[in-house]
Amino acid sequence: MTDQSTPPRTPALEHVRRTAMGPLAVGLGVAVVVGLLLSVVVPPKTGVFALIVLGSLVAAAVGFTVRYVTVDRGWRTQATAFVSAAVGVHLMAVTGTLTGSALPLARFTGVERVAFDDALMSALATPPFSVGTLLGGLVAAMIAGWAPRR
C-alpha cells in the first residue's frame, strides 16, 4: 500500500487573493453590511456631523479590508476601494436618513414614517453620486493605498 497524502488546502484568504474579483466582492460585502448596520445609528434629526462620522467608519472598514485582501497596490486596488466605499456610504446615508425622518407629505399620503425596507429600496434606486459618497470613496482609496506592501 502506498501512502497518498492529500495536498494541503488553500486558505480562504489566499483563495480570495488569487481570484480576480475577490477583493471587489469582499469590499462590497463589507461596505453593504457595515453601511446597513450603521444606518440604524443615524439619528432621527440627521446632522452633517453624524453622517461624516458614520461615513468615515464605513470608508475605513472598506479601505482596510481591501488593503488586507489585495496583494499588490495600484490603481486597481484603489478603484476597488473607491467603488465599494461609495456604495456603502450611500446605502448608509440614504437608508438611515429616510428611516428616521417623517415624510413632509404625510397628511396627504397617510404614511407617517418610511419603513427600513422601503428606505433600502430607495437607496438602491438612487445613484450614489454625492459629495459624501465621493469623499468616502477617496478616503477608502487612500487607505487601500499606493504604498508598497511590506
N, C-alpha and C. Protein backbone atom coordinates (compact mmCIF):
# COMPACT_ATOMS: atom_id res chain seq x y z
N MET A 1 0.83 -1.17 0.00
CA MET A 1 0.00 0.00 0.00
C MET A 1 0.88 1.24 0.00
N THR A 2 0.44 2.18 -0.79
CA THR A 2 1.18 3.44 -0.82
C THR A 2 0.41 4.48 -0.02
N ASP A 3 1.17 5.32 0.59
CA ASP A 3 0.57 6.40 1.39
C ASP A 3 0.36 7.61 0.50
N GLN A 4 -0.87 7.85 0.16
CA GLN A 4 -1.18 9.02 -0.66
C GLN A 4 -1.70 10.12 0.25
N SER A 5 -0.87 11.10 0.41
CA SER A 5 -1.31 12.21 1.25
C SER A 5 -1.97 13.27 0.37
N THR A 6 -2.98 13.84 0.88
CA THR A 6 -3.68 14.88 0.13
C THR A 6 -2.90 16.19 0.25
N PRO A 7 -2.90 16.97 -0.82
CA PRO A 7 -2.18 18.25 -0.74
C PRO A 7 -2.88 19.18 0.25
N PRO A 8 -2.10 20.06 0.87
CA PRO A 8 -2.72 20.96 1.85
C PRO A 8 -3.73 21.88 1.17
N ARG A 9 -4.80 22.15 1.87
CA ARG A 9 -5.85 23.01 1.32
C ARG A 9 -5.40 24.46 1.33
N THR A 10 -5.82 25.19 0.34
CA THR A 10 -5.51 26.61 0.26
C THR A 10 -6.41 27.36 1.23
N PRO A 11 -5.84 28.22 2.06
CA PRO A 11 -6.68 29.00 2.98
C PRO A 11 -7.65 29.90 2.20
N ALA A 12 -8.75 30.24 2.83
CA ALA A 12 -9.79 31.04 2.17
C ALA A 12 -9.26 32.42 1.76
N LEU A 13 -8.41 33.00 2.58
CA LEU A 13 -7.87 34.32 2.26
C LEU A 13 -7.01 34.27 1.00
N GLU A 14 -6.20 33.22 0.86
CA GLU A 14 -5.39 33.08 -0.34
C GLU A 14 -6.25 32.83 -1.57
N HIS A 15 -7.33 32.11 -1.39
CA HIS A 15 -8.24 31.87 -2.50
C HIS A 15 -8.87 33.19 -2.96
N VAL A 16 -9.26 34.04 -2.03
CA VAL A 16 -9.82 35.35 -2.38
C VAL A 16 -8.77 36.22 -3.05
N ARG A 17 -7.54 36.18 -2.56
CA ARG A 17 -6.47 37.00 -3.15
C ARG A 17 -6.15 36.57 -4.56
N ARG A 18 -6.26 35.29 -4.88
CA ARG A 18 -5.94 34.79 -6.21
C ARG A 18 -7.07 35.00 -7.21
N THR A 19 -8.28 35.18 -6.73
CA THR A 19 -9.42 35.39 -7.60
C THR A 19 -9.42 36.83 -8.09
N ALA A 20 -9.73 37.03 -9.35
CA ALA A 20 -9.67 38.37 -9.94
C ALA A 20 -10.68 39.32 -9.30
N MET A 21 -11.88 38.87 -9.04
CA MET A 21 -12.92 39.73 -8.47
C MET A 21 -13.08 39.54 -6.97
N GLY A 22 -12.19 38.80 -6.35
CA GLY A 22 -12.28 38.54 -4.91
C GLY A 22 -12.23 39.80 -4.05
N PRO A 23 -11.23 40.68 -4.24
CA PRO A 23 -11.19 41.89 -3.42
C PRO A 23 -12.42 42.78 -3.58
N LEU A 24 -12.95 42.88 -4.80
CA LEU A 24 -14.15 43.70 -5.01
C LEU A 24 -15.35 43.08 -4.32
N ALA A 25 -15.49 41.77 -4.40
CA ALA A 25 -16.61 41.11 -3.75
C ALA A 25 -16.54 41.26 -2.23
N VAL A 26 -15.37 41.09 -1.66
CA VAL A 26 -15.21 41.25 -0.22
C VAL A 26 -15.42 42.70 0.18
N GLY A 27 -14.88 43.63 -0.60
CA GLY A 27 -15.06 45.06 -0.31
C GLY A 27 -16.52 45.47 -0.36
N LEU A 28 -17.24 45.02 -1.39
CA LEU A 28 -18.67 45.33 -1.47
C LEU A 28 -19.46 44.68 -0.35
N GLY A 29 -19.08 43.46 0.01
CA GLY A 29 -19.77 42.80 1.12
C GLY A 29 -19.59 43.55 2.43
N VAL A 30 -18.37 43.95 2.71
CA VAL A 30 -18.12 44.72 3.94
C VAL A 30 -18.85 46.06 3.87
N ALA A 31 -18.83 46.71 2.71
CA ALA A 31 -19.49 48.01 2.57
C ALA A 31 -20.99 47.91 2.81
N VAL A 32 -21.62 46.91 2.24
CA VAL A 32 -23.07 46.76 2.40
C VAL A 32 -23.42 46.40 3.84
N VAL A 33 -22.71 45.46 4.42
CA VAL A 33 -23.02 45.04 5.79
C VAL A 33 -22.78 46.17 6.79
N VAL A 34 -21.61 46.79 6.73
CA VAL A 34 -21.30 47.87 7.67
C VAL A 34 -22.19 49.07 7.42
N GLY A 35 -22.45 49.40 6.15
CA GLY A 35 -23.32 50.52 5.83
C GLY A 35 -24.73 50.33 6.35
N LEU A 36 -25.28 49.15 6.17
CA LEU A 36 -26.65 48.91 6.66
C LEU A 36 -26.70 48.79 8.17
N LEU A 37 -25.66 48.26 8.79
CA LEU A 37 -25.64 48.22 10.25
C LEU A 37 -25.54 49.63 10.84
N LEU A 38 -24.73 50.48 10.22
CA LEU A 38 -24.60 51.85 10.73
C LEU A 38 -25.78 52.72 10.35
N SER A 39 -26.60 52.32 9.38
CA SER A 39 -27.77 53.13 9.03
C SER A 39 -28.78 53.16 10.17
N VAL A 40 -28.73 52.17 11.03
CA VAL A 40 -29.63 52.14 12.18
C VAL A 40 -29.21 53.20 13.21
N VAL A 41 -27.95 53.59 13.20
CA VAL A 41 -27.42 54.52 14.19
C VAL A 41 -27.64 55.99 13.79
N VAL A 42 -28.00 56.23 12.51
CA VAL A 42 -28.21 57.61 12.07
C VAL A 42 -29.35 58.21 12.88
N PRO A 43 -29.12 59.37 13.53
CA PRO A 43 -30.16 59.95 14.39
C PRO A 43 -31.36 60.45 13.58
N PRO A 44 -32.54 60.53 14.24
CA PRO A 44 -33.75 60.99 13.53
C PRO A 44 -33.59 62.41 12.97
N LYS A 45 -33.02 63.29 13.71
CA LYS A 45 -32.72 64.63 13.21
C LYS A 45 -31.31 64.56 12.67
N THR A 46 -31.19 64.19 11.43
CA THR A 46 -29.89 63.92 10.84
C THR A 46 -29.05 65.19 10.79
N GLY A 47 -27.86 65.09 11.34
CA GLY A 47 -26.90 66.18 11.26
C GLY A 47 -25.74 65.79 10.37
N VAL A 48 -25.08 66.80 9.88
CA VAL A 48 -23.95 66.54 9.00
C VAL A 48 -22.83 65.83 9.75
N PHE A 49 -22.62 66.20 11.00
CA PHE A 49 -21.54 65.59 11.78
C PHE A 49 -21.74 64.09 11.94
N ALA A 50 -22.97 63.68 12.21
CA ALA A 50 -23.26 62.24 12.37
C ALA A 50 -22.99 61.50 11.07
N LEU A 51 -23.39 62.07 9.95
CA LEU A 51 -23.15 61.41 8.67
C LEU A 51 -21.67 61.36 8.32
N ILE A 52 -20.91 62.40 8.69
CA ILE A 52 -19.47 62.40 8.45
C ILE A 52 -18.78 61.31 9.26
N VAL A 53 -19.14 61.21 10.53
CA VAL A 53 -18.51 60.20 11.40
C VAL A 53 -18.86 58.79 10.94
N LEU A 54 -20.13 58.54 10.66
CA LEU A 54 -20.55 57.21 10.24
C LEU A 54 -20.02 56.86 8.85
N GLY A 55 -19.99 57.84 7.95
CA GLY A 55 -19.40 57.60 6.63
C GLY A 55 -17.92 57.31 6.70
N SER A 56 -17.23 57.96 7.65
CA SER A 56 -15.80 57.69 7.85
C SER A 56 -15.57 56.27 8.35
N LEU A 57 -16.47 55.79 9.20
CA LEU A 57 -16.35 54.42 9.69
C LEU A 57 -16.53 53.41 8.55
N VAL A 58 -17.49 53.66 7.67
CA VAL A 58 -17.69 52.77 6.52
C VAL A 58 -16.46 52.81 5.61
N ALA A 59 -15.97 54.02 5.33
CA ALA A 59 -14.80 54.15 4.45
C ALA A 59 -13.58 53.47 5.04
N ALA A 60 -13.38 53.61 6.35
CA ALA A 60 -12.23 52.97 6.99
C ALA A 60 -12.36 51.45 6.95
N ALA A 61 -13.55 50.94 7.22
CA ALA A 61 -13.75 49.48 7.20
C ALA A 61 -13.48 48.92 5.80
N VAL A 62 -13.97 49.59 4.79
CA VAL A 62 -13.76 49.12 3.42
C VAL A 62 -12.30 49.27 3.01
N GLY A 63 -11.69 50.41 3.32
CA GLY A 63 -10.31 50.64 2.93
C GLY A 63 -9.35 49.63 3.54
N PHE A 64 -9.50 49.36 4.83
CA PHE A 64 -8.62 48.40 5.48
C PHE A 64 -8.90 46.97 5.01
N THR A 65 -10.15 46.66 4.71
CA THR A 65 -10.47 45.33 4.21
C THR A 65 -9.84 45.10 2.84
N VAL A 66 -10.00 46.06 1.94
CA VAL A 66 -9.42 45.91 0.60
C VAL A 66 -7.91 45.88 0.68
N ARG A 67 -7.32 46.68 1.56
CA ARG A 67 -5.86 46.67 1.72
C ARG A 67 -5.39 45.31 2.21
N TYR A 68 -6.12 44.69 3.12
CA TYR A 68 -5.73 43.40 3.68
C TYR A 68 -5.90 42.27 2.68
N VAL A 69 -6.93 42.37 1.83
CA VAL A 69 -7.25 41.28 0.93
C VAL A 69 -6.40 41.29 -0.34
N THR A 70 -5.99 42.46 -0.80
CA THR A 70 -5.22 42.51 -2.05
C THR A 70 -3.74 42.27 -1.81
N VAL A 71 -3.09 41.79 -2.85
CA VAL A 71 -1.67 41.51 -2.76
C VAL A 71 -0.83 42.70 -3.21
N ASP A 72 -1.24 43.30 -4.30
CA ASP A 72 -0.46 44.41 -4.84
C ASP A 72 -1.21 45.72 -4.65
N ARG A 73 -0.48 46.82 -4.74
CA ARG A 73 -1.07 48.15 -4.62
C ARG A 73 -1.06 48.79 -5.99
N GLY A 74 -2.04 49.57 -6.25
CA GLY A 74 -2.09 50.26 -7.53
C GLY A 74 -3.47 50.83 -7.78
N TRP A 75 -3.69 51.25 -9.01
CA TRP A 75 -4.95 51.88 -9.37
C TRP A 75 -6.12 50.91 -9.26
N ARG A 76 -5.90 49.66 -9.55
CA ARG A 76 -6.99 48.69 -9.46
C ARG A 76 -7.46 48.50 -8.02
N THR A 77 -6.52 48.46 -7.10
CA THR A 77 -6.87 48.35 -5.68
C THR A 77 -7.60 49.59 -5.20
N GLN A 78 -7.13 50.75 -5.63
CA GLN A 78 -7.78 51.99 -5.22
C GLN A 78 -9.18 52.12 -5.82
N ALA A 79 -9.35 51.70 -7.06
CA ALA A 79 -10.67 51.75 -7.68
C ALA A 79 -11.64 50.80 -6.98
N THR A 80 -11.14 49.64 -6.58
CA THR A 80 -11.96 48.69 -5.84
C THR A 80 -12.43 49.29 -4.53
N ALA A 81 -11.53 49.90 -3.79
CA ALA A 81 -11.90 50.51 -2.51
C ALA A 81 -12.83 51.70 -2.72
N PHE A 82 -12.57 52.49 -3.76
CA PHE A 82 -13.39 53.67 -4.03
C PHE A 82 -14.84 53.29 -4.31
N VAL A 83 -15.04 52.36 -5.22
CA VAL A 83 -16.40 51.96 -5.60
C VAL A 83 -17.12 51.31 -4.42
N SER A 84 -16.44 50.44 -3.71
CA SER A 84 -17.06 49.76 -2.57
C SER A 84 -17.47 50.74 -1.49
N ALA A 85 -16.59 51.66 -1.15
CA ALA A 85 -16.90 52.63 -0.09
C ALA A 85 -18.01 53.58 -0.52
N ALA A 86 -18.01 53.99 -1.77
CA ALA A 86 -19.07 54.89 -2.24
C ALA A 86 -20.44 54.21 -2.13
N VAL A 87 -20.51 52.94 -2.48
CA VAL A 87 -21.78 52.21 -2.36
C VAL A 87 -22.18 52.07 -0.90
N GLY A 88 -21.24 51.73 -0.02
CA GLY A 88 -21.56 51.57 1.40
C GLY A 88 -21.99 52.86 2.06
N VAL A 89 -21.30 53.95 1.78
CA VAL A 89 -21.66 55.24 2.37
C VAL A 89 -23.03 55.68 1.85
N HIS A 90 -23.29 55.46 0.58
CA HIS A 90 -24.58 55.83 0.01
C HIS A 90 -25.72 55.04 0.66
N LEU A 91 -25.55 53.73 0.78
CA LEU A 91 -26.59 52.92 1.43
C LEU A 91 -26.83 53.36 2.86
N MET A 92 -25.74 53.64 3.59
CA MET A 92 -25.86 54.06 4.98
C MET A 92 -26.59 55.40 5.09
N ALA A 93 -26.20 56.36 4.28
CA ALA A 93 -26.76 57.71 4.39
C ALA A 93 -28.22 57.76 3.98
N VAL A 94 -28.55 57.17 2.85
CA VAL A 94 -29.93 57.25 2.37
C VAL A 94 -30.87 56.42 3.23
N THR A 95 -30.48 55.21 3.54
CA THR A 95 -31.34 54.35 4.35
C THR A 95 -31.52 54.92 5.75
N GLY A 96 -30.44 55.38 6.37
CA GLY A 96 -30.55 55.95 7.71
C GLY A 96 -31.33 57.23 7.75
N THR A 97 -31.17 58.08 6.76
CA THR A 97 -31.88 59.35 6.73
C THR A 97 -33.37 59.14 6.50
N LEU A 98 -33.73 58.28 5.56
CA LEU A 98 -35.15 58.05 5.27
C LEU A 98 -35.86 57.29 6.38
N THR A 99 -35.17 56.37 7.04
CA THR A 99 -35.81 55.58 8.09
C THR A 99 -36.17 56.45 9.29
N GLY A 100 -35.32 57.37 9.64
CA GLY A 100 -35.57 58.18 10.83
C GLY A 100 -36.40 59.42 10.62
N SER A 101 -36.75 59.74 9.40
CA SER A 101 -37.42 61.00 9.15
C SER A 101 -38.91 60.80 8.91
N ALA A 102 -39.67 61.84 9.23
CA ALA A 102 -41.09 61.85 8.91
C ALA A 102 -41.26 62.43 7.51
N LEU A 103 -42.20 61.93 6.79
CA LEU A 103 -42.41 62.40 5.43
C LEU A 103 -43.07 63.78 5.44
N PRO A 104 -42.61 64.69 4.58
CA PRO A 104 -43.21 66.01 4.56
C PRO A 104 -44.65 66.02 4.04
N LEU A 105 -45.03 65.05 3.23
CA LEU A 105 -46.39 64.98 2.70
C LEU A 105 -47.22 63.93 3.43
N ALA A 106 -46.95 63.74 4.73
CA ALA A 106 -47.61 62.67 5.49
C ALA A 106 -49.13 62.87 5.56
N ARG A 107 -49.57 64.09 5.65
CA ARG A 107 -51.02 64.29 5.78
C ARG A 107 -51.76 64.00 4.47
N PHE A 108 -51.05 64.08 3.33
CA PHE A 108 -51.69 63.79 2.05
C PHE A 108 -51.60 62.32 1.68
N THR A 109 -50.51 61.68 2.06
CA THR A 109 -50.30 60.28 1.68
C THR A 109 -50.81 59.29 2.70
N GLY A 110 -50.91 59.70 3.95
CA GLY A 110 -51.33 58.79 5.00
C GLY A 110 -50.20 57.95 5.57
N VAL A 111 -48.99 58.11 5.05
CA VAL A 111 -47.83 57.37 5.52
C VAL A 111 -47.05 58.26 6.48
N GLU A 112 -46.89 57.81 7.71
CA GLU A 112 -46.20 58.64 8.71
C GLU A 112 -44.68 58.52 8.61
N ARG A 113 -44.19 57.30 8.54
CA ARG A 113 -42.75 57.07 8.51
C ARG A 113 -42.41 56.07 7.41
N VAL A 114 -41.15 56.11 6.99
CA VAL A 114 -40.69 55.18 5.96
C VAL A 114 -40.13 53.94 6.65
N ALA A 115 -40.55 52.77 6.21
CA ALA A 115 -40.04 51.52 6.77
C ALA A 115 -38.62 51.28 6.25
N PHE A 116 -37.88 50.41 6.95
CA PHE A 116 -36.49 50.13 6.59
C PHE A 116 -36.39 49.55 5.18
N ASP A 117 -37.27 48.63 4.83
CA ASP A 117 -37.17 48.02 3.50
C ASP A 117 -37.48 49.02 2.39
N ASP A 118 -38.41 49.94 2.63
CA ASP A 118 -38.69 50.98 1.64
C ASP A 118 -37.53 51.95 1.52
N ALA A 119 -36.88 52.26 2.65
CA ALA A 119 -35.72 53.14 2.61
C ALA A 119 -34.55 52.48 1.88
N LEU A 120 -34.38 51.18 2.09
CA LEU A 120 -33.32 50.45 1.39
C LEU A 120 -33.60 50.40 -0.11
N MET A 121 -34.84 50.19 -0.50
CA MET A 121 -35.18 50.20 -1.92
C MET A 121 -34.96 51.58 -2.53
N SER A 122 -35.23 52.63 -1.77
CA SER A 122 -34.97 53.99 -2.27
C SER A 122 -33.47 54.22 -2.44
N ALA A 123 -32.67 53.71 -1.52
CA ALA A 123 -31.22 53.85 -1.62
C ALA A 123 -30.67 53.09 -2.82
N LEU A 124 -31.24 51.93 -3.09
CA LEU A 124 -30.78 51.15 -4.24
C LEU A 124 -31.24 51.75 -5.57
N ALA A 125 -32.32 52.53 -5.54
CA ALA A 125 -32.85 53.11 -6.77
C ALA A 125 -32.22 54.45 -7.13
N THR A 126 -31.53 55.07 -6.21
CA THR A 126 -30.94 56.38 -6.49
C THR A 126 -29.45 56.22 -6.77
N PRO A 127 -28.89 57.07 -7.62
CA PRO A 127 -27.46 56.96 -7.93
C PRO A 127 -26.60 57.46 -6.77
N PRO A 128 -25.48 56.80 -6.52
CA PRO A 128 -24.63 57.18 -5.38
C PRO A 128 -23.62 58.27 -5.71
N PHE A 129 -24.04 59.34 -6.37
CA PHE A 129 -23.12 60.42 -6.72
C PHE A 129 -23.43 61.65 -5.89
N SER A 130 -22.79 61.76 -4.76
CA SER A 130 -22.89 62.96 -3.94
C SER A 130 -21.49 63.23 -3.39
N VAL A 131 -21.33 64.37 -2.82
CA VAL A 131 -20.01 64.72 -2.29
C VAL A 131 -19.62 63.78 -1.16
N GLY A 132 -20.57 63.39 -0.33
CA GLY A 132 -20.25 62.49 0.78
C GLY A 132 -19.78 61.13 0.32
N THR A 133 -20.45 60.57 -0.68
CA THR A 133 -20.04 59.26 -1.16
C THR A 133 -18.70 59.33 -1.88
N LEU A 134 -18.48 60.41 -2.62
CA LEU A 134 -17.19 60.54 -3.31
C LEU A 134 -16.05 60.74 -2.32
N LEU A 135 -16.28 61.51 -1.26
CA LEU A 135 -15.24 61.68 -0.23
C LEU A 135 -14.98 60.37 0.51
N GLY A 136 -16.05 59.62 0.81
CA GLY A 136 -15.87 58.32 1.44
C GLY A 136 -15.07 57.37 0.56
N GLY A 137 -15.34 57.39 -0.74
CA GLY A 137 -14.58 56.56 -1.66
C GLY A 137 -13.13 56.98 -1.75
N LEU A 138 -12.87 58.29 -1.75
CA LEU A 138 -11.48 58.76 -1.77
C LEU A 138 -10.72 58.36 -0.51
N VAL A 139 -11.38 58.44 0.64
CA VAL A 139 -10.73 58.04 1.89
C VAL A 139 -10.39 56.56 1.85
N ALA A 140 -11.31 55.74 1.39
CA ALA A 140 -11.05 54.30 1.30
C ALA A 140 -9.94 54.01 0.29
N ALA A 141 -9.89 54.75 -0.81
CA ALA A 141 -8.82 54.56 -1.79
C ALA A 141 -7.47 54.94 -1.20
N MET A 142 -7.44 55.99 -0.40
CA MET A 142 -6.17 56.37 0.25
C MET A 142 -5.74 55.34 1.28
N ILE A 143 -6.71 54.77 2.00
CA ILE A 143 -6.36 53.74 2.98
C ILE A 143 -5.87 52.48 2.28
N ALA A 144 -6.55 52.09 1.19
CA ALA A 144 -6.10 50.92 0.43
C ALA A 144 -4.70 51.15 -0.10
N GLY A 145 -4.39 52.37 -0.40
CA GLY A 145 -3.04 52.86 -0.53
C GLY A 145 -2.32 52.69 -1.82
N TRP A 146 -1.38 53.59 -1.96
CA TRP A 146 -0.46 53.46 -3.07
C TRP A 146 0.92 53.11 -2.57
N ALA A 147 1.06 52.79 -1.32
CA ALA A 147 2.35 52.38 -0.78
C ALA A 147 2.57 50.89 -1.05
N PRO A 148 3.81 50.48 -1.26
CA PRO A 148 4.05 49.05 -1.49
C PRO A 148 3.79 48.24 -0.22
N ARG A 149 3.38 47.03 -0.42
CA ARG A 149 3.09 46.14 0.71
C ARG A 149 4.40 45.68 1.34
N ARG A 150 4.46 45.61 2.64
CA ARG A 150 5.69 45.17 3.34
C ARG A 150 5.63 43.70 3.64
